[in-house]
Structure formats: structure tokens, C-alpha cells
Amino acid sequence: MPRKVNPVIPEVFNQIAFEVIGNDVTVSFAAEAGQLQLNAFEPIIAHSLFKSLKHLRNGCLTLAERCIKGITANREHMRKLVEDSIGIVTALNPHIGYVNATAVARA
């Protein structure tokens, strides 16, 4: 298909996020289950934490290199979107009042 964009890298980053969330739950339960100053679950805490850090690091490097690098902004298109946005009247509200800002938005 012409001009199709393959979203594999962002999807992988989502999967990394899901795993990190799961590891966070593991760390939370393991920390909660420990008694006093002796926590028999420190190995799983360390394992989950280091695994998450490793995957996040690799995911960020891959996302930056294969997805984000080289992206440039189309300044003319962005300016047109901002100028044509009805949301811009929100900034006028404190200066010209709600009624006048609403009139500008409707025009």
C-alpha cells in the first residue's frame, strides 16, 4: 500500500509500558509483603526494577532512532491550524470578556 506507515516501533513501546506497569505491581506487592526490616522478596523487587529499566532504556533509544529522529515540523501548517482554531479565543477571554470572546468565536 503506497505511503503506508508501519507502527511496529510505537506498538513495541506500548508493550514495554504494559510490562513496566506489571513490574510496578510486582514491586508494590513484594514491598508490601516484607516484614519489618527483613524483606525476603528483595530479589524479585530488584529483578523487576532492573528489567523495567533495561527495557525502558532500550525502548527509548529505539523509538528515538527509528521513529522520532528526522521528524520536522511543518510550521506553515501548524500556524494555520492555530490561527483557525476556535480555542484561541480562550486567551482573549480575560482581555475582552466572555461575551465578546464568544462573539469572536462565532464570527
N, C-alpha and C. Protein backbone atom coordinates (compact mmCIF):
# COMPACT_ATOMS: atom_id res chain seq x y z
N MET A 1 0.85 -1.17 0.00
CA MET A 1 0.00 0.00 0.00
C MET A 1 0.90 1.24 0.00
N PRO A 2 0.72 2.15 -0.94
CA PRO A 2 1.58 3.34 -1.00
C PRO A 2 1.46 4.22 0.24
N ARG A 3 2.57 4.73 0.67
CA ARG A 3 2.68 5.68 1.79
C ARG A 3 2.17 5.12 3.12
N LYS A 4 2.09 3.80 3.24
CA LYS A 4 1.67 3.19 4.49
C LYS A 4 2.79 3.34 5.52
N VAL A 5 2.41 3.67 6.74
CA VAL A 5 3.37 3.79 7.82
C VAL A 5 3.23 2.57 8.72
N ASN A 6 4.35 1.92 9.00
CA ASN A 6 4.33 0.74 9.83
C ASN A 6 4.51 1.15 11.29
N PRO A 7 3.51 0.92 12.13
CA PRO A 7 3.56 1.39 13.52
C PRO A 7 4.21 0.41 14.50
N VAL A 8 5.09 -0.47 14.04
CA VAL A 8 5.64 -1.51 14.89
C VAL A 8 6.40 -0.94 16.09
N ILE A 9 7.24 0.06 15.89
CA ILE A 9 8.05 0.59 16.98
C ILE A 9 7.18 1.21 18.07
N PRO A 10 6.21 2.07 17.74
CA PRO A 10 5.33 2.58 18.80
C PRO A 10 4.54 1.48 19.50
N GLU A 11 4.15 0.45 18.77
CA GLU A 11 3.43 -0.67 19.39
C GLU A 11 4.33 -1.42 20.37
N VAL A 12 5.59 -1.59 20.00
CA VAL A 12 6.55 -2.24 20.91
C VAL A 12 6.71 -1.38 22.16
N PHE A 13 6.75 -0.07 21.99
CA PHE A 13 6.89 0.81 23.15
C PHE A 13 5.67 0.69 24.07
N ASN A 14 4.50 0.53 23.49
CA ASN A 14 3.30 0.27 24.31
C ASN A 14 3.46 -1.03 25.10
N GLN A 15 3.98 -2.06 24.44
CA GLN A 15 4.18 -3.33 25.12
C GLN A 15 5.18 -3.18 26.28
N ILE A 16 6.21 -2.39 26.07
CA ILE A 16 7.17 -2.12 27.14
C ILE A 16 6.46 -1.45 28.30
N ALA A 17 5.61 -0.48 27.99
CA ALA A 17 4.87 0.21 29.05
C ALA A 17 3.99 -0.76 29.82
N PHE A 18 3.34 -1.69 29.13
CA PHE A 18 2.50 -2.67 29.81
C PHE A 18 3.33 -3.53 30.76
N GLU A 19 4.50 -3.95 30.29
CA GLU A 19 5.37 -4.76 31.13
C GLU A 19 5.86 -3.98 32.35
N VAL A 20 6.22 -2.73 32.15
CA VAL A 20 6.68 -1.90 33.25
C VAL A 20 5.57 -1.72 34.29
N ILE A 21 4.36 -1.53 33.83
CA ILE A 21 3.23 -1.41 34.75
C ILE A 21 3.07 -2.70 35.55
N GLY A 22 3.19 -3.84 34.89
CA GLY A 22 3.11 -5.13 35.58
C GLY A 22 4.24 -5.29 36.58
N ASN A 23 5.45 -4.88 36.19
CA ASN A 23 6.58 -4.96 37.12
C ASN A 23 6.39 -4.03 38.31
N ASP A 24 5.76 -2.90 38.08
CA ASP A 24 5.48 -1.98 39.19
C ASP A 24 4.53 -2.62 40.19
N VAL A 25 3.54 -3.34 39.69
CA VAL A 25 2.62 -4.05 40.57
C VAL A 25 3.38 -5.12 41.36
N THR A 26 4.27 -5.84 40.69
CA THR A 26 5.08 -6.85 41.37
C THR A 26 5.91 -6.23 42.48
N VAL A 27 6.57 -5.12 42.19
CA VAL A 27 7.39 -4.43 43.19
C VAL A 27 6.52 -3.98 44.36
N SER A 28 5.36 -3.42 44.06
CA SER A 28 4.47 -2.94 45.12
C SER A 28 4.03 -4.08 46.05
N PHE A 29 3.60 -5.21 45.47
CA PHE A 29 3.17 -6.34 46.29
C PHE A 29 4.33 -6.92 47.09
N ALA A 30 5.48 -7.04 46.45
CA ALA A 30 6.64 -7.61 47.13
C ALA A 30 7.10 -6.71 48.27
N ALA A 31 7.08 -5.41 48.07
CA ALA A 31 7.47 -4.48 49.13
C ALA A 31 6.47 -4.53 50.28
N GLU A 32 5.21 -4.66 49.95
CA GLU A 32 4.16 -4.71 50.97
C GLU A 32 4.22 -6.00 51.78
N ALA A 33 4.64 -7.09 51.15
CA ALA A 33 4.65 -8.40 51.80
C ALA A 33 5.83 -8.59 52.75
N GLY A 34 6.84 -7.74 52.64
CA GLY A 34 8.00 -7.89 53.51
C GLY A 34 7.69 -7.50 54.95
N GLN A 35 8.31 -8.21 55.89
CA GLN A 35 8.09 -7.93 57.30
C GLN A 35 9.28 -7.17 57.89
N LEU A 36 8.95 -6.12 58.61
CA LEU A 36 9.94 -5.30 59.31
C LEU A 36 11.08 -4.90 58.38
N GLN A 37 12.32 -5.09 58.84
CA GLN A 37 13.45 -4.69 58.00
C GLN A 37 13.97 -5.84 57.15
N LEU A 38 13.40 -7.00 57.32
CA LEU A 38 13.81 -8.16 56.54
C LEU A 38 12.76 -8.39 55.45
N ASN A 39 13.16 -8.24 54.23
CA ASN A 39 12.23 -8.46 53.13
C ASN A 39 12.76 -9.59 52.27
N ALA A 40 12.12 -10.73 52.38
CA ALA A 40 12.54 -11.91 51.62
C ALA A 40 12.26 -11.76 50.12
N PHE A 41 11.54 -10.68 49.76
CA PHE A 41 11.14 -10.51 48.36
C PHE A 41 12.02 -9.49 47.62
N GLU A 42 13.12 -9.09 48.25
CA GLU A 42 14.02 -8.14 47.58
C GLU A 42 14.54 -8.64 46.24
N PRO A 43 14.81 -9.94 46.08
CA PRO A 43 15.29 -10.38 44.76
C PRO A 43 14.29 -10.10 43.63
N ILE A 44 13.00 -10.32 43.88
CA ILE A 44 12.02 -10.06 42.81
C ILE A 44 11.84 -8.56 42.61
N ILE A 45 12.01 -7.79 43.67
CA ILE A 45 11.95 -6.33 43.54
C ILE A 45 13.08 -5.85 42.64
N ALA A 46 14.29 -6.30 42.93
CA ALA A 46 15.45 -5.89 42.13
C ALA A 46 15.32 -6.38 40.69
N HIS A 47 14.92 -7.64 40.53
CA HIS A 47 14.77 -8.20 39.19
C HIS A 47 13.76 -7.39 38.36
N SER A 48 12.61 -7.11 38.93
CA SER A 48 11.56 -6.37 38.21
C SER A 48 12.00 -4.95 37.89
N LEU A 49 12.65 -4.32 38.85
CA LEU A 49 13.10 -2.94 38.64
C LEU A 49 14.16 -2.86 37.55
N PHE A 50 15.17 -3.73 37.62
CA PHE A 50 16.24 -3.69 36.61
C PHE A 50 15.74 -4.09 35.23
N LYS A 51 14.82 -5.04 35.19
CA LYS A 51 14.23 -5.44 33.91
C LYS A 51 13.47 -4.27 33.28
N SER A 52 12.70 -3.56 34.11
CA SER A 52 11.96 -2.40 33.60
C SER A 52 12.90 -1.32 33.10
N LEU A 53 13.94 -1.04 33.87
CA LEU A 53 14.90 0.00 33.47
C LEU A 53 15.59 -0.36 32.16
N LYS A 54 15.98 -1.63 32.02
CA LYS A 54 16.65 -2.08 30.79
C LYS A 54 15.71 -1.94 29.59
N HIS A 55 14.48 -2.40 29.73
CA HIS A 55 13.53 -2.32 28.62
C HIS A 55 13.17 -0.89 28.28
N LEU A 56 12.99 -0.04 29.29
CA LEU A 56 12.69 1.37 29.03
C LEU A 56 13.84 2.06 28.30
N ARG A 57 15.07 1.78 28.74
CA ARG A 57 16.23 2.38 28.09
C ARG A 57 16.30 1.96 26.62
N ASN A 58 16.23 0.66 26.38
CA ASN A 58 16.30 0.16 25.01
C ASN A 58 15.13 0.66 24.16
N GLY A 59 13.95 0.71 24.76
CA GLY A 59 12.78 1.20 24.04
C GLY A 59 12.92 2.67 23.67
N CYS A 60 13.41 3.48 24.61
CA CYS A 60 13.59 4.91 24.32
C CYS A 60 14.62 5.13 23.22
N LEU A 61 15.72 4.38 23.28
CA LEU A 61 16.75 4.52 22.24
C LEU A 61 16.22 4.11 20.88
N THR A 62 15.47 3.01 20.83
CA THR A 62 14.90 2.54 19.56
C THR A 62 13.86 3.51 19.03
N LEU A 63 12.98 3.99 19.91
CA LEU A 63 11.95 4.94 19.49
C LEU A 63 12.58 6.22 18.95
N ALA A 64 13.59 6.71 19.65
CA ALA A 64 14.26 7.94 19.22
C ALA A 64 14.94 7.75 17.87
N GLU A 65 15.64 6.63 17.70
CA GLU A 65 16.41 6.41 16.47
C GLU A 65 15.53 6.07 15.27
N ARG A 66 14.52 5.24 15.49
CA ARG A 66 13.77 4.71 14.35
C ARG A 66 12.42 5.39 14.10
N CYS A 67 12.00 6.26 15.03
CA CYS A 67 10.70 6.92 14.84
C CYS A 67 10.80 8.44 14.91
N ILE A 68 11.48 8.93 15.92
CA ILE A 68 11.46 10.37 16.17
C ILE A 68 12.52 11.12 15.37
N LYS A 69 13.69 10.51 15.23
CA LYS A 69 14.79 11.15 14.50
C LYS A 69 14.35 11.49 13.07
N GLY A 70 14.55 12.73 12.71
CA GLY A 70 14.22 13.16 11.36
C GLY A 70 12.84 13.80 11.22
N ILE A 71 12.03 13.73 12.26
CA ILE A 71 10.72 14.39 12.19
C ILE A 71 10.93 15.89 12.22
N THR A 72 10.29 16.58 11.31
CA THR A 72 10.36 18.04 11.30
C THR A 72 8.95 18.61 11.32
N ALA A 73 8.85 19.80 11.83
CA ALA A 73 7.54 20.46 11.93
C ALA A 73 7.24 21.22 10.65
N ASN A 74 6.00 21.15 10.21
CA ASN A 74 5.53 21.95 9.09
C ASN A 74 4.97 23.24 9.70
N ARG A 75 5.82 24.24 9.83
CA ARG A 75 5.46 25.47 10.54
C ARG A 75 4.27 26.19 9.91
N GLU A 76 4.20 26.22 8.60
CA GLU A 76 3.08 26.91 7.94
C GLU A 76 1.75 26.22 8.27
N HIS A 77 1.75 24.90 8.22
CA HIS A 77 0.52 24.15 8.52
C HIS A 77 0.13 24.33 9.98
N MET A 78 1.11 24.28 10.88
CA MET A 78 0.82 24.45 12.31
C MET A 78 0.28 25.85 12.60
N ARG A 79 0.87 26.87 11.96
CA ARG A 79 0.39 28.24 12.16
C ARG A 79 -1.06 28.36 11.69
N LYS A 80 -1.37 27.76 10.54
CA LYS A 80 -2.75 27.82 10.03
C LYS A 80 -3.71 27.12 11.00
N LEU A 81 -3.30 25.98 11.54
CA LEU A 81 -4.16 25.27 12.50
C LEU A 81 -4.43 26.12 13.73
N VAL A 82 -3.40 26.80 14.24
CA VAL A 82 -3.57 27.64 15.42
C VAL A 82 -4.45 28.84 15.10
N GLU A 83 -4.19 29.47 13.97
CA GLU A 83 -4.96 30.66 13.60
C GLU A 83 -6.43 30.34 13.34
N ASP A 84 -6.70 29.14 12.84
CA ASP A 84 -8.08 28.75 12.55
C ASP A 84 -8.76 28.07 13.73
N SER A 85 -8.05 27.88 14.83
CA SER A 85 -8.60 27.18 15.99
C SER A 85 -9.52 28.09 16.79
N ILE A 86 -10.67 27.55 17.15
CA ILE A 86 -11.60 28.31 17.98
C ILE A 86 -11.07 28.46 19.40
N GLY A 87 -10.16 27.58 19.80
CA GLY A 87 -9.60 27.64 21.14
C GLY A 87 -8.79 28.88 21.42
N ILE A 88 -8.37 29.56 20.37
CA ILE A 88 -7.55 30.76 20.56
C ILE A 88 -8.32 31.88 21.26
N VAL A 89 -9.65 31.86 21.15
CA VAL A 89 -10.43 32.91 21.81
C VAL A 89 -10.39 32.77 23.33
N THR A 90 -10.00 31.60 23.82
CA THR A 90 -9.85 31.42 25.27
C THR A 90 -8.83 32.40 25.82
N ALA A 91 -7.77 32.65 25.06
CA ALA A 91 -6.75 33.60 25.50
C ALA A 91 -7.28 35.03 25.50
N LEU A 92 -8.28 35.29 24.67
CA LEU A 92 -8.85 36.64 24.61
C LEU A 92 -9.83 36.91 25.75
N ASN A 93 -10.39 35.87 26.33
CA ASN A 93 -11.42 36.00 27.34
C ASN A 93 -11.07 36.97 28.47
N PRO A 94 -9.88 36.89 29.08
CA PRO A 94 -9.58 37.81 30.18
C PRO A 94 -9.47 39.27 29.73
N HIS A 95 -9.19 39.49 28.44
CA HIS A 95 -8.96 40.83 27.94
C HIS A 95 -10.21 41.51 27.39
N ILE A 96 -11.04 40.71 26.70
CA ILE A 96 -12.22 41.34 26.07
C ILE A 96 -13.53 40.87 26.69
N GLY A 97 -13.45 39.91 27.62
CA GLY A 97 -14.66 39.42 28.28
C GLY A 97 -15.27 38.23 27.57
N TYR A 98 -16.06 37.48 28.33
CA TYR A 98 -16.64 36.24 27.82
C TYR A 98 -17.59 36.48 26.66
N VAL A 99 -18.46 37.47 26.79
CA VAL A 99 -19.47 37.73 25.75
C VAL A 99 -18.78 38.10 24.43
N ASN A 100 -17.82 39.01 24.51
CA ASN A 100 -17.10 39.42 23.29
C ASN A 100 -16.29 38.28 22.70
N ALA A 101 -15.64 37.48 23.57
CA ALA A 101 -14.88 36.34 23.08
C ALA A 101 -15.78 35.32 22.38
N THR A 102 -16.98 35.12 22.91
CA THR A 102 -17.95 34.24 22.28
C THR A 102 -18.36 34.78 20.92
N ALA A 103 -18.55 36.08 20.84
CA ALA A 103 -18.91 36.69 19.56
C ALA A 103 -17.80 36.50 18.52
N VAL A 104 -16.56 36.65 18.95
CA VAL A 104 -15.42 36.44 18.05
C VAL A 104 -15.39 35.00 17.58
N ALA A 105 -15.63 34.07 18.49
CA ALA A 105 -15.61 32.65 18.15
C ALA A 105 -16.69 32.29 17.13
N ARG A 106 -17.83 32.92 17.25
CA ARG A 106 -18.93 32.62 16.32
C ARG A 106 -18.74 33.26 14.95
N ALA A 107 -17.92 34.29 14.89
CA ALA A 107 -17.73 35.00 13.62
C ALA A 107 -16.91 34.24 12.63
